[in-house]
Amino acid sequence: MAKGYLKVNVYGEDITNPIKNATVKILKDGNEIKKVNTDEFGQTSLIELDTVSKEYTENEQVNVRPYEIYDIEVEALGLNKTRIEGAQIFDDVTSIQNIYMSSIDDNQEVDVTSITPNTLWGDYPPNIIEEQADNGIAPIVLKQVIIPKYIIVHDGVPNNSSAPNYQVPFIDYIKNVASSEIYSTWPKETIKANVLAIISFTLNRIYTEWYRNKGYDFTITSTTSYDQKYTKNGTIFEPISNIVDEIFDNYIKSGVRMEPLLAHYKSNTSEKGFLSQWGSKELGDKGYDALKILKYYYGDDVNIYKAEVTNDYPYSFSSTLKKGDCNNDVYLLQNALNYIRSSYPGIPIIKNPTGYFGNETFNAVKAFQKAFSLTQNGEVNYQTWYKISYVLTAVKDLTESIY
């Protein structure tokens, strides 16, 4: 029997409130098979679970679901019992299940979310291709490509006014869509190519203000008929999460056009201008890198670019910080980690921030990396820097400025 792994992160309303000592139960077919408690970061230990062989993710097939599903129940003092149905476990992959718990309500028994199947396995409607302008009217556009802090996801077709809107952090949205649309067992360069297509599609909707131009109050929809599959509380997979953290501010565009490419894709197609997801997997198996895969489908004039503006990130990355460094970036890092401790007291305090990267800073960085499922090496690379900046912004939303 193949094995996969699950890590559950339990929060209150958002990531600024990790829930310590929550009871997490893993269930299969209604039967409890594992029970663990969360640590000071609101995390469980890594849970090993049975699943199906990754061979079923190698080729398109309809006979065997290529992942196993489990239910998760969480209880914590003062919070509503929460249940996630259908968390997905792939062979030799760590699944990350974030669970957000609401304050206790006598009128509500259990908060339940059912995770829908991956789009490569489930039955979803095909995309409706829309022109970039209606009736000759040019869309409203931004002045530059922007990575926003949040986007608004409409959980239905555009004209369904009863469907809810969700405010979702941009990076979390990209991780969610990629985890809903491709398999995390695929080659790294295939995953990277698909993530870049997803980012570019999303940034095109933002740059052109596509839905605002039509009178709607959201950024993008969750339906494959019009946009990309967003799954509320969906399982995130570590290989995908790591790649998104690395390239979240990259996108593709074509030739001299200003806007990010509206990078359409289908599960399997030879249609010109569409990325074939299964085809990209085959190219990855052949050793194609991400850019070569993207050029294969979108044309030779497609290239990778970096967004001009990253909104609401207080610091920009300059270079990797490590033990022995002494500069202003280290000083900013030390103060940021001390500030984040107000929500994550498991991060040890840096008693005297001086700008020197010593043992205290090293240990604080490693604790932060543990809390957010990053490589625990004590070095602050691009991924760790922007995660610190992101969490700092979230914590600052609840408190006064550190400046």
Protein backbone atom coordinates (compact mmCIF):
# COMPACT_ATOMS: atom_id res chain seq x y z
CA MET A 1 0.00 0.00 0.00
CA ALA A 2 1.35 3.44 -0.97
CA LYS A 3 1.75 6.08 1.73
CA GLY A 4 1.02 9.80 1.73
CA TYR A 5 1.36 12.40 4.46
CA LEU A 6 -0.91 14.99 6.01
CA LYS A 7 -0.18 18.07 8.08
CA VAL A 8 -3.16 19.95 9.55
CA ASN A 9 -2.84 23.63 10.47
CA VAL A 10 -5.59 24.93 12.73
CA TYR A 11 -6.38 28.64 13.04
CA GLY A 12 -9.10 30.84 14.41
CA GLU A 13 -10.49 33.36 11.93
CA ASP A 14 -7.14 33.76 10.13
CA ILE A 15 -3.43 32.90 10.28
CA THR A 16 -2.80 35.43 13.05
CA ASN A 17 -4.53 33.07 15.49
CA PRO A 18 -2.99 29.57 15.52
CA ILE A 19 -4.94 27.22 17.81
CA LYS A 20 -2.84 25.26 20.30
CA ASN A 21 -4.04 21.92 21.73
CA ALA A 22 -6.86 21.47 19.22
CA THR A 23 -7.94 17.83 18.88
CA VAL A 24 -7.66 16.61 15.29
CA LYS A 25 -9.31 13.35 14.25
CA ILE A 26 -8.70 11.63 10.91
CA LEU A 27 -11.62 9.52 9.70
CA LYS A 28 -12.08 7.02 6.89
CA ASP A 29 -15.57 5.87 5.97
CA GLY A 30 -16.85 7.29 9.26
CA ASN A 31 -14.28 5.47 11.39
CA GLU A 32 -11.61 7.28 13.41
CA ILE A 33 -8.16 6.06 12.43
CA LYS A 34 -5.87 8.74 13.92
CA LYS A 35 -6.13 11.36 16.68
CA VAL A 36 -3.51 14.02 17.38
CA ASN A 37 -3.25 17.45 19.03
CA THR A 38 -1.84 20.67 17.58
CA ASP A 39 1.36 22.26 18.90
CA GLU A 40 2.11 25.89 19.78
CA PHE A 41 1.99 26.80 16.09
CA GLY A 42 -1.46 25.24 15.59
CA GLN A 43 0.11 22.36 13.65
CA THR A 44 -0.15 18.62 13.88
CA SER A 45 2.85 16.36 13.43
CA LEU A 46 3.17 14.70 10.03
CA ILE A 47 0.48 12.01 9.76
CA GLU A 48 1.15 8.96 7.56
CA LEU A 49 -1.90 7.66 5.68
CA ASP A 50 -2.64 4.91 3.17
CA THR A 51 -3.30 5.99 -0.41
CA VAL A 52 -3.12 4.68 -3.98
CA SER A 53 0.01 4.43 -6.09
CA LYS A 54 1.24 7.52 -7.93
CA GLU A 55 1.21 5.43 -11.12
CA TYR A 56 -2.44 6.46 -11.50
CA THR A 57 -1.36 10.09 -11.86
CA GLU A 58 1.07 9.27 -14.68
CA ASN A 59 -1.50 9.04 -17.47
CA GLU A 60 -5.08 10.17 -18.05
CA GLN A 61 -7.41 7.38 -16.91
CA VAL A 62 -10.95 7.02 -15.50
CA ASN A 63 -10.77 3.72 -13.61
CA VAL A 64 -8.96 4.55 -10.35
CA ARG A 65 -9.13 7.82 -8.45
CA PRO A 66 -5.44 8.78 -8.22
CA TYR A 67 -5.58 9.88 -4.59
CA GLU A 68 -7.26 8.75 -1.38
CA ILE A 69 -9.69 10.91 0.56
CA TYR A 70 -10.15 11.31 4.31
CA ASP A 71 -12.36 13.37 6.58
CA ILE A 72 -10.92 15.59 9.32
CA GLU A 73 -12.72 16.70 12.48
CA VAL A 74 -11.31 19.39 14.75
CA GLU A 75 -12.41 20.45 18.23
CA ALA A 76 -11.01 23.26 20.35
CA LEU A 77 -12.21 25.05 23.46
CA GLY A 78 -14.50 27.99 22.67
CA LEU A 79 -14.65 27.26 18.94
CA ASN A 80 -17.20 25.52 16.75
CA LYS A 81 -16.45 21.92 15.89
CA THR A 82 -15.19 21.87 12.30
CA ARG A 83 -15.25 19.08 9.73
CA ILE A 84 -13.47 18.85 6.38
CA GLU A 85 -14.78 16.12 4.09
CA GLY A 86 -12.65 14.75 1.26
CA ALA A 87 -9.11 15.90 2.11
CA GLN A 88 -6.87 14.50 -0.61
CA ILE A 89 -3.78 12.33 -0.06
CA PHE A 90 -1.35 11.50 -2.88
CA ASP A 91 1.41 8.91 -2.88
CA ASP A 92 4.66 10.22 -1.31
CA VAL A 93 3.33 13.80 -1.11
CA THR A 94 2.67 15.94 1.96
CA SER A 95 -0.84 17.37 1.93
CA ILE A 96 -1.42 20.58 3.88
CA GLN A 97 -4.93 21.07 5.22
CA ASN A 98 -5.59 24.52 6.66
CA ILE A 99 -8.64 24.65 8.91
CA TYR A 100 -10.22 27.88 10.14
CA MET A 101 -12.50 27.71 13.17
CA SER A 102 -15.18 30.21 14.12
CA SER A 103 -16.15 31.31 17.63
CA ILE A 104 -18.66 29.02 19.29
CA ASP A 105 -22.28 29.52 18.35
CA ASP A 106 -25.08 27.73 20.21
CA ASN A 107 -27.16 27.64 17.01
CA GLN A 108 -24.51 25.90 14.94
CA GLU A 109 -23.53 22.30 15.55
CA VAL A 110 -20.62 21.72 13.15
CA ASP A 111 -18.93 23.79 10.44
CA VAL A 112 -18.71 21.42 7.45
CA THR A 113 -16.84 21.86 4.18
CA SER A 114 -16.78 19.25 1.42
CA ILE A 115 -13.77 19.36 -0.90
CA THR A 116 -14.68 18.77 -4.53
CA PRO A 117 -12.59 16.46 -6.78
CA ASN A 118 -9.53 17.61 -8.68
CA THR A 119 -10.57 18.90 -12.11
CA LEU A 120 -8.50 16.17 -13.82
CA TRP A 121 -10.66 13.57 -12.07
CA GLY A 122 -14.05 15.25 -11.60
CA ASP A 123 -16.62 16.26 -14.19
CA TYR A 124 -16.50 20.03 -14.76
CA PRO A 125 -17.98 22.22 -17.51
CA PRO A 126 -15.65 23.42 -20.31
CA ASN A 127 -14.40 26.97 -20.44
CA ILE A 128 -16.45 29.61 -22.26
CA ILE A 129 -13.95 31.69 -24.21
CA GLU A 130 -14.69 35.41 -24.06
CA GLU A 131 -13.11 38.11 -26.16
CA GLN A 132 -11.04 40.68 -24.32
CA ALA A 133 -13.45 43.47 -25.25
CA ASP A 134 -17.22 43.56 -25.77
CA ASN A 135 -18.87 45.63 -28.48
CA GLY A 136 -15.64 47.42 -29.27
CA ILE A 137 -15.36 48.89 -25.78
CA ALA A 138 -11.84 48.69 -24.39
CA PRO A 139 -11.60 47.25 -20.87
CA ILE A 140 -10.52 49.33 -17.91
CA VAL A 141 -6.86 48.54 -17.26
CA LEU A 142 -4.39 49.24 -14.50
CA LYS A 143 -1.21 51.19 -15.19
CA GLN A 144 1.06 48.29 -14.27
CA VAL A 145 1.01 44.64 -13.32
CA ILE A 146 0.26 44.36 -9.62
CA ILE A 147 0.42 41.44 -7.20
CA PRO A 148 -2.39 42.34 -4.77
CA LYS A 149 -2.63 41.28 -1.16
CA TYR A 150 -6.11 39.83 -1.68
CA ILE A 151 -8.44 39.01 -4.53
CA ILE A 152 -12.20 38.56 -4.38
CA VAL A 153 -13.36 35.15 -5.61
CA HIS A 154 -17.02 34.74 -6.64
CA ASP A 155 -18.03 31.16 -5.85
CA GLY A 156 -20.26 30.63 -8.88
CA VAL A 157 -20.97 31.86 -12.39
CA PRO A 158 -20.74 35.65 -12.78
CA ASN A 159 -24.48 36.39 -12.88
CA ASN A 160 -25.34 34.23 -9.86
CA SER A 161 -25.95 37.00 -7.34
CA SER A 162 -26.69 34.52 -4.53
CA ALA A 163 -23.22 32.92 -4.73
CA PRO A 164 -20.85 34.07 -1.96
CA ASN A 165 -17.71 36.14 -2.47
CA TYR A 166 -14.52 35.17 -0.64
CA GLN A 167 -11.60 37.49 0.12
CA VAL A 168 -8.56 35.29 -0.47
CA PRO A 169 -4.85 36.15 -0.16
CA PHE A 170 -3.40 36.13 -3.68
CA ILE A 171 -0.70 33.54 -2.94
CA ASP A 172 -3.19 31.24 -1.20
CA TYR A 173 -5.51 31.55 -4.20
CA ILE A 174 -2.80 30.45 -6.63
CA LYS A 175 -1.85 27.49 -4.40
CA ASN A 176 -5.50 26.49 -4.12
CA VAL A 177 -6.18 26.63 -7.87
CA ALA A 178 -3.00 24.75 -8.80
CA SER A 179 -3.77 22.08 -6.18
CA SER A 180 -7.30 21.80 -7.60
CA GLU A 181 -6.27 21.62 -11.27
CA ILE A 182 -3.09 19.51 -11.57
CA TYR A 183 -1.41 16.64 -9.75
CA SER A 184 1.34 17.32 -7.24
CA THR A 185 3.19 14.13 -8.28
CA TRP A 186 4.06 15.61 -11.70
CA PRO A 187 7.55 16.83 -12.69
CA LYS A 188 8.64 20.07 -11.04
CA GLU A 189 8.98 21.94 -14.35
CA THR A 190 5.49 20.81 -15.39
CA ILE A 191 4.06 22.10 -12.12
CA LYS A 192 5.98 25.37 -12.55
CA ALA A 193 4.64 25.85 -16.11
CA ASN A 194 1.06 25.26 -14.97
CA VAL A 195 1.48 27.59 -11.99
CA LEU A 196 2.78 30.34 -14.30
CA ALA A 197 -0.26 29.87 -16.54
CA ILE A 198 -2.58 30.11 -13.52
CA ILE A 199 -0.80 33.22 -12.20
CA SER A 200 -0.91 34.89 -15.61
CA PHE A 201 -4.59 34.13 -16.13
CA THR A 202 -5.35 35.61 -12.70
CA LEU A 203 -3.18 38.70 -13.25
CA ASN A 204 -4.88 39.29 -16.59
CA ARG A 205 -8.24 39.42 -14.80
CA ILE A 206 -6.72 41.88 -12.33
CA TYR A 207 -4.83 44.02 -14.89
CA THR A 208 -7.82 44.39 -17.22
CA GLU A 209 -10.27 44.67 -14.31
CA TRP A 210 -12.34 42.30 -16.38
CA TYR A 211 -15.28 41.81 -14.02
CA ARG A 212 -15.33 45.36 -12.65
CA ASN A 213 -15.60 46.54 -16.24
CA LYS A 214 -18.77 44.44 -16.46
CA GLY A 215 -20.24 45.93 -13.29
CA TYR A 216 -19.37 43.10 -10.88
CA ASP A 217 -17.72 43.55 -7.48
CA PHE A 218 -15.29 40.62 -7.63
CA THR A 219 -11.94 39.77 -9.25
CA ILE A 220 -12.53 36.27 -10.60
CA THR A 221 -14.96 33.35 -10.37
CA SER A 222 -14.42 29.84 -9.04
CA THR A 223 -16.04 28.11 -11.99
CA THR A 224 -14.17 26.41 -14.83
CA SER A 225 -16.81 27.73 -17.23
CA TYR A 226 -15.31 31.21 -17.00
CA ASP A 227 -12.10 31.10 -14.99
CA GLN A 228 -10.26 28.61 -12.78
CA LYS A 229 -11.27 26.11 -10.12
CA TYR A 230 -11.02 27.55 -6.61
CA THR A 231 -12.01 25.12 -3.86
CA LYS A 232 -13.00 26.64 -0.54
CA ASN A 233 -10.78 25.10 2.18
CA GLY A 234 -9.20 22.84 -0.44
CA THR A 235 -6.19 20.65 0.32
CA ILE A 236 -2.84 22.22 -0.65
CA PHE A 237 0.13 20.07 -1.67
CA GLU A 238 3.65 20.81 -0.52
CA PRO A 239 5.38 20.54 -3.95
CA ILE A 240 2.90 23.03 -5.40
CA SER A 241 3.03 25.30 -2.36
CA ASN A 242 6.82 25.52 -2.53
CA ILE A 243 6.81 26.46 -6.20
CA VAL A 244 4.15 29.14 -5.72
CA ASP A 245 6.15 30.67 -2.86
CA GLU A 246 9.14 30.81 -5.22
CA ILE A 247 7.46 32.36 -8.29
CA PHE A 248 4.24 34.03 -7.11
CA ASP A 249 5.22 37.40 -8.62
CA ASN A 250 6.20 35.95 -12.03
CA TYR A 251 3.89 35.80 -15.03
CA ILE A 252 3.99 35.30 -18.77
CA LYS A 253 3.08 37.68 -21.56
CA SER A 254 3.25 37.56 -25.31
CA GLY A 255 5.45 39.78 -27.46
CA VAL A 256 4.93 43.51 -27.02
CA ARG A 257 1.52 43.21 -25.39
CA MET A 258 1.33 44.93 -21.99
CA GLU A 259 -1.09 42.63 -20.18
CA PRO A 260 -0.28 39.24 -18.64
CA LEU A 261 -1.32 36.46 -20.96
CA LEU A 262 -4.87 35.17 -20.47
CA ALA A 263 -3.33 31.72 -20.39
CA HIS A 264 -6.12 29.28 -21.18
CA TYR A 265 -5.59 25.59 -20.59
CA LYS A 266 -7.49 22.31 -20.80
CA SER A 267 -6.89 18.84 -19.41
CA ASN A 268 -6.01 17.46 -22.83
CA THR A 269 -6.15 19.38 -26.08
CA SER A 270 -4.33 20.10 -29.31
CA GLU A 271 -6.20 23.39 -29.78
CA LYS A 272 -3.86 26.22 -30.68
CA GLY A 273 -3.20 28.72 -27.87
CA PHE A 274 -4.23 26.32 -25.11
CA LEU A 275 -1.91 24.55 -22.73
CA SER A 276 -2.68 20.84 -22.45
CA GLN A 277 -2.22 19.85 -18.81
CA TRP A 278 -1.59 16.20 -19.63
CA GLY A 279 0.57 17.24 -22.56
CA SER A 280 2.65 19.46 -20.27
CA LYS A 281 3.19 16.46 -18.03
CA GLU A 282 4.56 14.48 -20.98
CA LEU A 283 6.88 17.35 -21.91
CA GLY A 284 8.10 17.55 -18.31
CA ASP A 285 8.83 13.82 -18.42
CA LYS A 286 10.95 14.48 -21.54
CA GLY A 287 13.03 17.07 -19.68
CA TYR A 288 11.45 20.29 -20.97
CA ASP A 289 11.84 23.23 -18.58
CA ALA A 290 8.86 25.42 -17.68
CA LEU A 291 9.54 28.13 -20.26
CA LYS A 292 10.04 25.61 -23.05
CA ILE A 293 6.71 23.98 -22.11
CA LEU A 294 4.96 27.36 -22.16
CA LYS A 295 6.48 28.30 -25.53
CA TYR A 296 5.38 24.95 -26.95
CA TYR A 297 1.75 25.83 -26.25
CA TYR A 298 1.53 29.64 -26.28
CA GLY A 299 4.16 30.46 -28.92
CA ASP A 300 7.84 31.40 -29.14
CA ASP A 301 7.18 35.07 -28.28
CA VAL A 302 6.00 34.15 -24.77
CA ASN A 303 8.43 34.96 -21.97
CA ILE A 304 8.49 35.13 -18.16
CA TYR A 305 8.34 38.54 -16.45
CA LYS A 306 8.30 39.85 -12.89
CA ALA A 307 5.43 42.00 -11.61
CA GLU A 308 6.31 45.66 -11.18
CA VAL A 309 4.45 46.10 -7.89
CA THR A 310 3.80 43.76 -4.95
CA ASN A 311 1.11 45.45 -2.87
CA ASP A 312 1.12 45.51 0.93
CA TYR A 313 4.50 43.83 1.36
CA PRO A 314 6.50 46.18 3.60
CA TYR A 315 9.92 44.94 2.48
CA SER A 316 11.39 43.88 -0.86
CA PHE A 317 13.77 40.93 -1.12
CA SER A 318 17.38 41.81 -1.93
CA SER A 319 19.56 38.79 -1.07
CA THR A 320 19.54 35.66 1.09
CA LEU A 321 20.28 36.38 4.77
CA LYS A 322 22.23 33.89 6.85
CA LYS A 323 24.31 33.49 9.98
CA GLY A 324 27.11 36.03 10.20
CA ASP A 325 25.43 38.70 8.08
CA CYS A 326 25.21 42.19 9.53
CA ASN A 327 23.15 44.83 7.74
CA ASN A 328 19.89 46.78 7.81
CA ASP A 329 17.93 43.93 6.21
CA VAL A 330 18.84 41.72 9.18
CA TYR A 331 17.67 44.48 11.54
CA LEU A 332 14.34 44.69 9.71
CA LEU A 333 14.08 40.88 9.84
CA GLN A 334 14.70 40.79 13.59
CA ASN A 335 12.05 43.40 14.34
CA ALA A 336 9.56 41.68 12.03
CA LEU A 337 10.03 38.31 13.77
CA ASN A 338 9.69 39.91 17.22
CA TYR A 339 6.47 41.57 16.06
CA ILE A 340 5.06 38.33 14.65
CA ARG A 341 5.63 36.74 18.10
CA SER A 342 2.48 38.55 19.30
CA SER A 343 0.54 35.91 17.34
CA TYR A 344 3.16 33.15 17.35
CA PRO A 345 4.78 33.07 20.81
CA GLY A 346 6.47 29.79 19.85
CA ILE A 347 8.98 31.90 17.90
CA PRO A 348 11.81 32.70 20.36
CA ILE A 349 12.41 36.37 21.06
CA ILE A 350 15.42 38.18 19.63
CA LYS A 351 16.37 40.13 22.75
CA ASN A 352 18.57 42.80 21.26
CA PRO A 353 18.04 43.44 17.52
CA THR A 354 21.31 44.91 16.26
CA GLY A 355 21.37 43.88 12.61
CA TYR A 356 23.77 40.99 13.33
CA PHE A 357 22.47 37.53 12.30
CA GLY A 358 23.47 35.41 15.29
CA ASN A 359 22.13 32.31 17.05
CA GLU A 360 18.98 34.03 18.36
CA THR A 361 18.00 35.15 14.86
CA PHE A 362 18.88 31.73 13.43
CA ASN A 363 16.61 29.97 15.94
CA ALA A 364 13.79 32.47 15.41
CA VAL A 365 13.96 31.98 11.65
CA LYS A 366 13.89 28.18 12.00
CA ALA A 367 10.85 28.40 14.28
CA PHE A 368 9.09 30.65 11.77
CA GLN A 369 9.93 28.25 8.95
CA LYS A 370 8.46 25.37 10.97
CA ALA A 371 5.28 27.32 11.61
CA PHE A 372 4.74 27.91 7.89
CA SER A 373 5.95 24.64 6.38
CA LEU A 374 9.13 26.10 4.87
CA THR A 375 12.54 24.42 4.66
CA GLN A 376 13.94 24.68 8.19
CA ASN A 377 17.51 25.73 7.44
CA GLY A 378 17.62 29.04 9.34
CA GLU A 379 18.42 31.00 6.16
CA VAL A 380 16.11 33.72 4.85
CA ASN A 381 15.80 33.16 1.13
CA TYR A 382 13.18 34.60 -1.21
CA GLN A 383 10.44 32.26 -0.02
CA THR A 384 11.05 32.83 3.70
CA TRP A 385 11.46 36.60 3.29
CA TYR A 386 8.13 37.06 1.55
CA LYS A 387 6.34 34.72 3.94
CA ILE A 388 7.66 36.79 6.86
CA SER A 389 6.58 39.96 5.07
CA TYR A 390 3.14 38.47 4.36
CA VAL A 391 2.56 37.29 7.95
CA LEU A 392 3.85 40.59 9.32
CA THR A 393 1.28 42.44 7.23
CA ALA A 394 -1.52 40.18 8.51
CA VAL A 395 -0.45 40.69 12.13
CA LYS A 396 -0.14 44.44 11.64
CA ASP A 397 -3.74 44.52 10.43
CA LEU A 398 -4.71 43.60 13.99
CA THR A 399 -2.31 45.82 15.86
CA GLU A 400 -0.69 49.20 15.67
CA SER A 401 2.22 49.83 13.28
CA ILE A 402 5.74 48.97 14.41
CA TYR A 403 6.99 52.17 12.89
